[in-house]
C-alpha cells in the first residue's frame, strides 16, 4: 500500500508528540513493506526533493521562506490555516506519488485546504488536539483557565490579542472576531467533509461531538508506542538522580503544561526526593527564568532538552512521571511511553488525563493547578514507598507501534473498501 502522511513537523527537525508518533508509524509501515511518504514543511528555500532515509520513509520536505517569521500578524494568522505555495506543492506531490490513501496528522501551519485537495483519493484525519475549532489548539485561555469553545470568534479575540501582544485591538473586537469566525467556519466545513476522523482519547472525541461533528464519524483509537526505542540502550550520559524517589517532568516548559505548579508543589517537600525537569529552555525563556527563580528545593534539577533517543533511559531513571498540565490534554505520548517502561504517572484531573491515568491504580490524580494537592500526593508517595510499588505493579504498556500499525492497516483497508464514505 502506498500511504501518504501529512504533518506540520517531523523528526529530526522537530520531535514533539505528534511528530514522534507519525515518524514511528511511518517507519513501522515501511518496514512491513508498505510505501510511506511524509509531506511536511521546513524553514528554508529551494525546490522540494524527496529523500529516503534509512528506515525506508520517503520524506518530502516543503520549503517555507525564512522571511515568513517576520510577517505581520494578519499574514501569520492566515498562514496558520492557508498557504498557497504549500497547496501547490501538495498538488504536485499527489501527482508524483499517486498515493492509495492520505492520512492527515496535522495541518496547522501547513494548510487546511490540503484536505479537500486530496479528496480525489481515500483519506482520513487524526485529531491530535482542538485546532479545527480553536486557533491556539489547546482550548486554554491566556490566564490559564480552560475554554468552553470559540463562541463565533468573539472569545478568540482575547486569546489572539494577548498572545500576539496586540491588546489595543480589543477596541475593534467585532472586526477582529470576523476573520476568526471565518477561520473556524472554514475549518468546520472541511472537517465535516472528512469521512473518518480518529481520536486518541474519548475525551477529545466528545469535544468534537459537542462542536457538532457526528459521533459516528469519529473513531477512538489508542496510539501505539515504539517499545524498542524506549527499552534499548541509548548510550546517553544522563546524570544520576540526586535522591530517591525520583520524580520527573518531560515536555515543553510552557505555562499551559503547568510546570510552575509542579515546582511550587516540590518546594513544599522535605529533602529526600528529587525532581528532574527535561525540556527546552529557549522556547519560553521568560517562563523558564521564573521557574528557576522560584525553585527553592535543593533537589530540583533543570536538565534541558532531551534527545528523543534518550527518552526511554530518562524515564527508566524515574520512580514516577508527573504531568501537571493546565489544559485539556488529549493523549500525551509521554504517558504512553512511561507506561511502556513500567513507570506510574501523577497527573492533573483534567481532560483526557483522567482517562489515561486510573487514580489509585496506574497513578494518582490531583486538582489541576493546585500545588498543595499535588504536594500532598507526592509526599504520600515519598512516605509510602509501598504505594509507589503497587502503582508500578498495575501499569500495563500501551499498544506497541506494531500492534497499532496493524489496527491502522485494517482501518486503511476499510477506507479503501468504501466503509467510511
Protein backbone atom coordinates (compact mmCIF):
# COMPACT_ATOMS: atom_id res chain seq x y z
CA UNK A 1 0.00 0.00 0.00
CA UNK A 2 1.27 3.48 -0.84
CA UNK A 3 0.40 5.73 2.12
CA UNK A 4 0.92 9.49 2.25
CA UNK A 5 1.21 11.23 5.60
CA UNK A 6 0.76 14.98 6.05
CA UNK A 7 2.12 16.52 9.24
CA UNK A 8 3.09 20.01 10.37
CA UNK A 9 6.54 18.96 11.66
CA UNK A 10 8.69 15.86 11.56
CA UNK A 11 11.91 14.48 13.06
CA UNK A 12 14.72 15.31 13.16
CA UNK A 13 13.69 18.96 12.78
CA UNK A 14 11.05 18.56 15.49
CA UNK A 15 10.37 15.77 17.99
CA UNK A 16 7.06 16.60 19.65
CA UNK A 17 4.40 14.00 20.36
CA UNK A 18 2.58 14.21 17.00
CA UNK A 19 5.86 14.19 15.09
CA UNK A 20 7.28 11.22 17.01
CA UNK A 21 4.07 9.25 16.60
CA UNK A 22 3.89 9.99 12.86
CA UNK A 23 7.53 9.02 12.39
CA UNK A 24 7.15 5.78 14.36
CA UNK A 25 4.02 4.74 12.46
CA UNK A 26 5.55 5.55 9.07
CA UNK A 27 8.71 3.65 9.97
CA UNK A 28 6.86 0.50 11.06
CA UNK A 29 4.69 0.56 7.93
CA UNK A 30 7.77 0.98 5.74
CA UNK A 31 9.48 -1.93 7.49
CA UNK A 32 6.38 -4.03 6.81
CA UNK A 33 6.78 -3.44 3.08
CA UNK A 34 4.44 -0.51 2.52
CA UNK A 35 5.45 2.77 0.89
CA UNK A 36 5.35 5.59 3.44
CA UNK A 37 5.60 9.12 2.05
CA UNK A 38 5.67 12.05 4.50
CA UNK A 39 4.81 15.57 3.33
CA UNK A 40 5.77 18.38 5.73
CA UNK A 41 7.09 21.98 5.70
CA UNK A 42 10.53 23.11 6.84
CA UNK A 43 12.02 26.58 7.06
CA UNK A 44 14.27 27.37 4.12
CA UNK A 45 14.26 27.97 0.40
CA UNK A 46 14.76 25.89 -2.70
CA UNK A 47 12.88 23.20 -4.57
CA UNK A 48 11.46 20.29 -2.60
CA UNK A 49 13.10 17.00 -3.49
CA UNK A 50 12.12 13.67 -1.98
CA UNK A 51 14.66 11.78 0.09
CA UNK A 52 14.53 8.29 1.54
CA UNK A 53 16.02 7.73 4.98
CA UNK A 54 17.50 4.57 6.45
CA UNK A 55 14.09 3.50 7.76
CA UNK A 56 12.62 3.48 4.28
CA UNK A 57 10.50 6.61 4.79
CA UNK A 58 10.17 8.88 1.75
CA UNK A 59 10.46 12.43 3.06
CA UNK A 60 9.02 15.33 1.08
CA UNK A 61 10.27 18.49 2.77
CA UNK A 62 8.42 21.56 1.53
CA UNK A 63 10.50 24.73 1.95
CA UNK A 64 8.88 27.66 3.71
CA UNK A 65 10.64 31.04 3.23
CA UNK A 66 12.55 32.12 6.31
CA UNK A 67 11.05 35.59 5.85
CA UNK A 68 7.74 34.06 6.95
CA UNK A 69 8.88 34.50 10.55
CA UNK A 70 8.97 38.29 10.03
CA UNK A 71 5.42 38.57 8.70
CA UNK A 72 2.83 40.81 10.27
CA UNK A 73 0.04 39.39 12.47
CA UNK A 74 -2.52 39.26 9.64
CA UNK A 75 -0.30 37.18 7.37
CA UNK A 76 0.81 34.99 10.25
CA UNK A 77 -2.81 34.31 11.15
CA UNK A 78 -3.71 33.48 7.54
CA UNK A 79 -0.78 31.12 7.13
CA UNK A 80 -1.79 29.09 10.16
CA UNK A 81 -4.54 27.51 8.06
CA UNK A 82 -3.97 28.53 4.40
CA UNK A 83 -0.83 28.67 2.29
CA UNK A 84 -1.00 28.85 -1.49
CA UNK A 85 2.61 27.82 -2.05
CA UNK A 86 2.28 24.72 0.10
CA UNK A 87 -1.02 23.89 -1.57
CA UNK A 88 0.67 23.99 -4.99
CA UNK A 89 3.49 21.78 -3.71
CA UNK A 90 0.96 19.32 -2.34
CA UNK A 91 -0.85 19.06 -5.65
CA UNK A 92 2.47 18.23 -7.30
CA UNK A 93 3.17 15.73 -4.51
CA UNK A 94 -0.14 13.94 -5.17
CA UNK A 95 0.57 13.71 -8.89
CA UNK A 96 4.07 12.35 -8.35
CA UNK A 97 3.28 9.92 -5.52
CA UNK A 98 -0.21 8.74 -6.55
CA UNK A 99 -0.98 7.53 -3.01
CA UNK A 100 -3.55 4.85 -2.32
CA UNK A 101 -4.56 6.75 0.81
CA UNK A 102 -3.71 10.04 2.55
CA UNK A 103 -3.52 10.15 6.34
CA UNK A 104 -3.51 13.71 7.71
CA UNK A 105 -1.83 14.00 11.10
CA UNK A 106 -1.83 17.80 11.45
CA UNK A 107 -2.20 20.73 9.07
CA UNK A 108 -1.68 23.68 11.42
CA UNK A 109 0.88 25.94 9.76
CA UNK A 110 0.64 23.79 6.62
CA UNK A 111 -2.77 24.39 5.03
CA UNK A 112 -6.19 23.02 5.80
CA UNK A 113 -7.04 23.17 2.10
CA UNK A 114 -4.76 20.18 1.57
CA UNK A 115 -7.63 18.03 2.87
CA UNK A 116 -10.12 18.94 0.10
CA UNK A 117 -7.26 18.88 -2.41
CA UNK A 118 -6.79 15.21 -1.52
CA UNK A 119 -10.49 14.37 -1.79
CA UNK A 120 -9.88 12.53 -5.04
CA UNK A 121 -8.41 9.61 -3.11
CA UNK A 122 -9.35 7.89 0.17
CA UNK A 123 -8.32 9.94 3.21
CA UNK A 124 -8.69 10.19 6.95
CA UNK A 125 -7.65 12.65 9.65
CA UNK A 126 -6.28 12.04 13.15
CA UNK A 127 -7.39 14.68 15.65
CA UNK A 128 -4.42 15.27 17.92
CA UNK A 129 -5.86 18.41 19.56
CA UNK A 130 -8.64 21.01 19.21
CA UNK A 131 -7.15 23.02 16.35
CA UNK A 132 -10.08 22.65 13.98
CA UNK A 133 -12.24 24.80 16.26
CA UNK A 134 -9.63 26.52 18.47
CA UNK A 135 -6.94 28.67 16.86
CA UNK A 136 -4.41 28.01 19.62
CA UNK A 137 -5.35 24.30 19.51
CA UNK A 138 -5.41 23.95 23.30
CA UNK A 139 -8.77 25.31 24.49
CA UNK A 140 -6.78 27.30 27.02
CA UNK A 141 -7.20 30.97 27.81
CA UNK A 142 -4.18 33.24 28.38
CA UNK A 143 -4.96 33.32 32.12
CA UNK A 144 -4.54 29.56 32.30
CA UNK A 145 -8.26 28.74 32.50
CA UNK A 146 -9.75 26.16 30.17
CA UNK A 147 -12.08 27.43 27.44
CA UNK A 148 -15.53 26.10 26.56
CA UNK A 149 -15.22 26.96 22.87
CA UNK A 150 -14.75 29.69 20.30
CA UNK A 151 -18.10 31.47 20.58
CA UNK A 152 -18.11 32.53 16.89
CA UNK A 153 -14.70 34.10 17.27
CA UNK A 154 -15.72 36.60 19.96
CA UNK A 155 -13.89 34.83 22.78
CA UNK A 156 -10.96 34.09 20.46
CA UNK A 157 -10.15 37.81 20.24
CA UNK A 158 -8.87 37.85 23.82
CA UNK A 159 -6.53 34.92 23.15
CA UNK A 160 -5.27 36.39 19.89
CA UNK A 161 -4.58 39.86 21.26
CA UNK A 162 -2.79 38.62 24.39
CA UNK A 163 -0.65 36.03 22.62
CA UNK A 164 0.38 38.48 19.88
CA UNK A 165 0.75 41.41 22.32
CA UNK A 166 -1.90 43.44 20.46
CA UNK A 167 -4.31 44.16 23.30
CA UNK A 168 -5.25 47.50 21.78
CA UNK A 169 -7.12 45.61 19.06
CA UNK A 170 -9.82 44.71 21.56
CA UNK A 171 -11.48 48.07 20.92
CA UNK A 172 -12.16 46.65 17.45
CA UNK A 173 -13.40 43.33 18.81
CA UNK A 174 -16.30 42.89 16.33
CA UNK A 175 -13.98 43.44 13.36
CA UNK A 176 -11.24 41.22 14.78
CA UNK A 177 -13.78 38.49 15.55
CA UNK A 178 -14.87 38.28 11.90
CA UNK A 179 -11.69 36.66 10.49
CA UNK A 180 -11.55 34.35 13.50
CA UNK A 181 -15.15 33.31 12.91
CA UNK A 182 -14.38 32.81 9.22
CA UNK A 183 -11.41 30.63 10.09
CA UNK A 184 -13.48 28.46 12.41
CA UNK A 185 -16.33 28.14 9.90
CA UNK A 186 -13.93 27.29 7.07
CA UNK A 187 -12.24 24.56 9.11
CA UNK A 188 -15.61 23.29 10.34
CA UNK A 189 -16.73 22.79 6.73
CA UNK A 190 -13.52 20.96 5.92
CA UNK A 191 -13.66 18.65 8.91
CA UNK A 192 -17.31 17.85 8.19
CA UNK A 193 -16.29 16.67 4.71
CA UNK A 194 -13.86 14.05 6.06
CA UNK A 195 -15.38 10.55 6.02
CA UNK A 196 -13.40 9.28 9.02
CA UNK A 197 -11.78 11.07 11.94
CA UNK A 198 -9.60 9.31 14.50
CA UNK A 199 -9.38 10.46 18.13
CA UNK A 200 -6.70 9.10 20.51
CA UNK A 201 -8.98 9.72 23.50
CA UNK A 202 -12.69 9.56 24.18
CA UNK A 203 -12.48 12.98 25.84
CA UNK A 204 -11.26 14.62 22.64
CA UNK A 205 -13.88 12.75 20.61
CA UNK A 206 -16.62 14.15 22.83
CA UNK A 207 -15.26 17.69 22.46
CA UNK A 208 -15.66 17.45 18.69
CA UNK A 209 -19.10 15.91 19.07
CA UNK A 210 -20.09 18.93 21.19
CA UNK A 211 -18.97 21.13 18.31
CA UNK A 212 -21.43 19.36 16.03
CA UNK A 213 -19.29 16.69 14.36
CA UNK A 214 -21.38 13.49 14.02
CA UNK A 215 -20.29 11.00 16.66
CA UNK A 216 -20.44 8.06 14.26
CA UNK A 217 -17.74 9.63 12.09
CA UNK A 218 -15.15 9.78 14.91
CA UNK A 219 -13.39 6.58 15.91
CA UNK A 220 -11.47 6.43 19.19
CA UNK A 221 -8.20 4.54 18.81
CA UNK A 222 -5.28 4.40 21.24
CA UNK A 223 -1.90 5.47 19.89
CA UNK A 224 0.95 2.99 19.83
CA UNK A 225 4.48 3.38 21.15
CA UNK A 226 7.87 2.31 19.88
CA UNK A 227 8.88 -0.06 22.69
CA UNK A 228 12.26 -0.89 21.17
CA UNK A 229 13.27 2.77 21.19
CA UNK A 230 12.30 3.05 24.86
CA UNK A 231 13.99 -0.09 26.12
CA UNK A 232 17.22 -0.26 24.16
CA UNK A 233 20.45 1.24 25.49
CA UNK A 234 20.84 4.73 24.10
CA UNK A 235 24.44 5.44 25.09
CA UNK A 236 23.47 8.63 26.89
CA UNK A 237 25.28 10.04 29.90
CA UNK A 238 22.26 11.18 31.89
CA UNK A 239 23.26 12.30 35.38
CA UNK A 240 22.47 10.11 38.36
CA UNK A 241 19.31 11.15 40.27
CA UNK A 242 20.07 13.35 43.26
CA UNK A 243 17.78 11.34 45.58
CA UNK A 244 15.06 8.70 45.67
CA UNK A 245 12.20 8.64 44.98
CA UNK A 246 12.96 10.37 41.74
CA UNK A 247 10.12 12.33 40.11
CA UNK A 248 10.32 13.82 36.64
CA UNK A 249 8.74 16.01 34.00
CA UNK A 250 9.38 15.58 30.27
CA UNK A 251 7.87 18.07 27.85
CA UNK A 252 7.53 21.67 26.80
CA UNK A 253 8.41 24.18 29.51
CA UNK A 254 5.33 26.33 28.96
CA UNK A 255 2.64 27.77 31.26
CA UNK A 256 -0.12 25.53 29.89
CA UNK A 257 1.98 22.50 30.82
CA UNK A 258 1.76 23.51 34.49
CA UNK A 259 5.46 23.15 35.28
CA UNK A 260 5.16 26.02 37.76
CA UNK A 261 2.55 24.01 39.69
CA UNK A 262 5.00 21.12 39.94
CA UNK A 263 7.85 23.38 41.11
CA UNK A 264 5.61 25.05 43.71
CA UNK A 265 4.50 21.62 44.95
CA UNK A 266 8.01 20.22 45.15
CA UNK A 267 9.20 23.26 47.10
CA UNK A 268 6.84 22.11 49.86
CA UNK A 269 8.53 18.71 50.21
CA UNK A 270 11.39 17.86 52.56
CA UNK A 271 14.72 16.71 51.21
CA UNK A 272 14.77 13.04 50.40
CA UNK A 273 13.19 13.19 46.96
CA UNK A 274 14.44 14.58 43.66
CA UNK A 275 12.81 16.22 40.68
CA UNK A 276 14.35 16.36 37.21
CA UNK A 277 12.74 18.65 34.63
CA UNK A 278 13.53 17.92 30.98
CA UNK A 279 12.61 20.47 28.32
CA UNK A 280 13.98 23.19 26.10
CA UNK A 281 14.69 26.44 27.91
CA UNK A 282 14.69 28.59 24.76
CA UNK A 283 11.06 28.34 23.61
CA UNK A 284 9.62 30.27 26.56
CA UNK A 285 12.77 31.72 28.18
CA UNK A 286 10.93 34.19 30.42
CA UNK A 287 8.78 31.42 31.86
CA UNK A 288 11.83 29.20 32.45
CA UNK A 289 13.60 32.06 34.23
CA UNK A 290 10.56 32.42 36.50
CA UNK A 291 10.59 28.68 37.21
CA UNK A 292 14.25 28.75 38.19
CA UNK A 293 13.75 31.82 40.33
CA UNK A 294 11.05 30.17 42.46
CA UNK A 295 12.65 26.69 42.62
CA UNK A 296 13.95 26.62 46.20
CA UNK A 297 14.10 22.86 46.81
CA UNK A 298 17.77 21.77 46.67
CA UNK A 299 17.00 18.67 44.58
CA UNK A 300 15.13 20.30 41.71
CA UNK A 301 17.26 19.98 38.59
CA UNK A 302 16.61 21.56 35.19
CA UNK A 303 18.23 19.15 32.75
CA UNK A 304 17.50 20.92 29.46
CA UNK A 305 16.11 19.34 26.27
CA UNK A 306 16.16 15.58 25.90
CA UNK A 307 17.15 13.83 22.69
CA UNK A 308 14.27 11.58 21.61
CA UNK A 309 16.70 8.63 21.53
CA UNK A 310 17.25 9.06 25.29
CA UNK A 311 13.61 9.35 26.39
CA UNK A 312 13.40 5.70 27.41
CA UNK A 313 16.53 5.90 29.52
CA UNK A 314 15.35 9.11 31.20
CA UNK A 315 12.01 7.53 32.02
CA UNK A 316 13.64 4.38 33.38
CA UNK A 317 15.55 6.57 35.86
CA UNK A 318 12.28 7.83 37.31
CA UNK A 319 10.13 6.37 40.04
CA UNK A 320 7.18 8.45 38.87
CA UNK A 321 6.37 10.79 35.98
CA UNK A 322 4.41 13.98 36.74
CA UNK A 323 2.11 15.55 34.12
CA UNK A 324 0.73 18.75 35.75
CA UNK A 325 -0.99 20.18 32.66
CA UNK A 326 -3.38 23.11 32.84
CA UNK A 327 -5.11 22.40 29.52
CA UNK A 328 -7.24 19.63 28.09
CA UNK A 329 -4.50 17.21 27.14
CA UNK A 330 -5.62 14.70 24.55
CA UNK A 331 -3.33 11.69 24.68
CA UNK A 332 0.15 12.71 25.84
CA UNK A 333 2.66 10.39 24.25
CA UNK A 334 4.89 10.75 27.31
CA UNK A 335 2.28 8.93 29.43
CA UNK A 336 2.19 6.07 26.95
CA UNK A 337 5.98 5.99 26.98
CA UNK A 338 6.13 5.98 30.79
CA UNK A 339 3.73 3.04 30.88
CA UNK A 340 5.88 1.36 28.24
CA UNK A 341 8.76 1.14 30.71
CA UNK A 342 6.56 0.44 33.74
CA UNK A 343 6.54 3.93 35.32
CA UNK A 344 3.37 5.22 37.09
CA UNK A 345 2.09 8.74 36.48
CA UNK A 346 0.79 11.57 38.65
CA UNK A 347 -1.36 13.89 36.56
CA UNK A 348 -3.91 16.69 36.68
CA UNK A 349 -7.52 15.60 36.91
CA UNK A 350 -8.32 17.38 33.67
CA UNK A 351 -9.28 16.44 30.13
CA UNK A 352 -8.14 13.06 28.89
CA UNK A 353 -5.56 12.76 31.67
CA UNK A 354 -8.23 11.30 33.92
CA UNK A 355 -8.88 8.79 31.14
CA UNK A 356 -5.22 7.84 30.72
CA UNK A 357 -4.32 7.66 34.44
CA UNK A 358 -6.50 5.46 36.64
CA UNK A 359 -6.41 7.08 40.05
CA UNK A 360 -5.06 4.70 42.66
CA UNK A 361 -4.24 2.03 40.07
CA UNK A 362 -1.72 3.25 37.48
CA UNK A 363 -1.04 6.60 39.12
CA UNK A 364 -2.61 9.45 41.05
CA UNK A 365 -4.73 12.41 40.02
CA UNK A 366 -4.73 15.86 41.63
CA UNK A 367 -6.77 19.02 41.18
CA UNK A 368 -5.40 20.90 38.18
CA UNK A 369 -3.41 23.97 39.19
CA UNK A 370 -3.48 23.06 42.91
CA UNK A 371 0.14 22.83 44.07
CA UNK A 372 -0.90 21.93 47.62
CA UNK A 373 -2.92 18.95 46.40
CA UNK A 374 -0.01 17.83 44.22
CA UNK A 375 2.43 18.27 47.12
CA UNK A 376 0.17 16.13 49.31
CA UNK A 377 0.25 13.27 46.79
CA UNK A 378 3.99 13.50 46.21
CA UNK A 379 4.57 13.47 49.98
CA UNK A 380 2.41 10.34 50.29
CA UNK A 381 4.47 8.60 47.63
CA UNK A 382 7.64 9.65 49.45
CA UNK A 383 6.43 8.38 52.82
CA UNK A 384 4.75 5.24 51.48
CA UNK A 385 7.11 3.53 49.03
CA UNK A 386 4.81 0.52 49.04
CA UNK A 387 2.12 2.69 47.38
CA UNK A 388 4.54 3.61 44.61
CA UNK A 389 5.44 -0.05 44.17
CA UNK A 390 1.76 -1.03 43.96
CA UNK A 391 1.08 1.59 41.31
CA UNK A 392 4.05 0.38 39.33
CA UNK A 393 2.82 -3.21 39.51
CA UNK A 394 -0.52 -2.15 37.98
CA UNK A 395 0.97 -0.36 34.99
CA UNK A 396 0.28 -2.03 31.67
CA UNK A 397 2.04 -0.93 28.48
CA UNK A 398 0.11 0.83 25.75
CA UNK A 399 -0.19 -0.96 22.41
CA UNK A 400 3.14 -1.35 20.64
CA UNK A 401 3.58 0.53 17.41
CA UNK A 402 3.50 -2.80 15.58
CA UNK A 403 0.10 -3.59 17.12
CA UNK A 404 -1.15 -0.09 16.39
CA UNK A 405 0.11 -0.30 12.79
CA UNK A 406 -1.94 -3.46 12.27
CA UNK A 407 -5.02 -1.61 13.56
CA UNK A 408 -4.28 1.28 11.23
CA UNK A 409 -3.82 -1.03 8.23
CA UNK A 410 -7.24 -2.54 8.94
CA UNK A 411 -8.72 0.97 9.04
CA UNK A 412 -6.88 1.92 5.85
CA UNK A 413 -8.22 -1.17 4.08
CA UNK A 414 -11.76 -0.49 5.29
CA UNK A 415 -11.41 3.06 3.99
CA UNK A 416 -10.21 1.81 0.62
CA UNK A 417 -13.17 -0.58 0.51
CA UNK A 418 -15.57 2.31 0.98
CA UNK A 419 -16.70 1.51 4.53
CA UNK A 420 -16.23 5.14 5.52
CA UNK A 421 -17.76 7.44 2.93
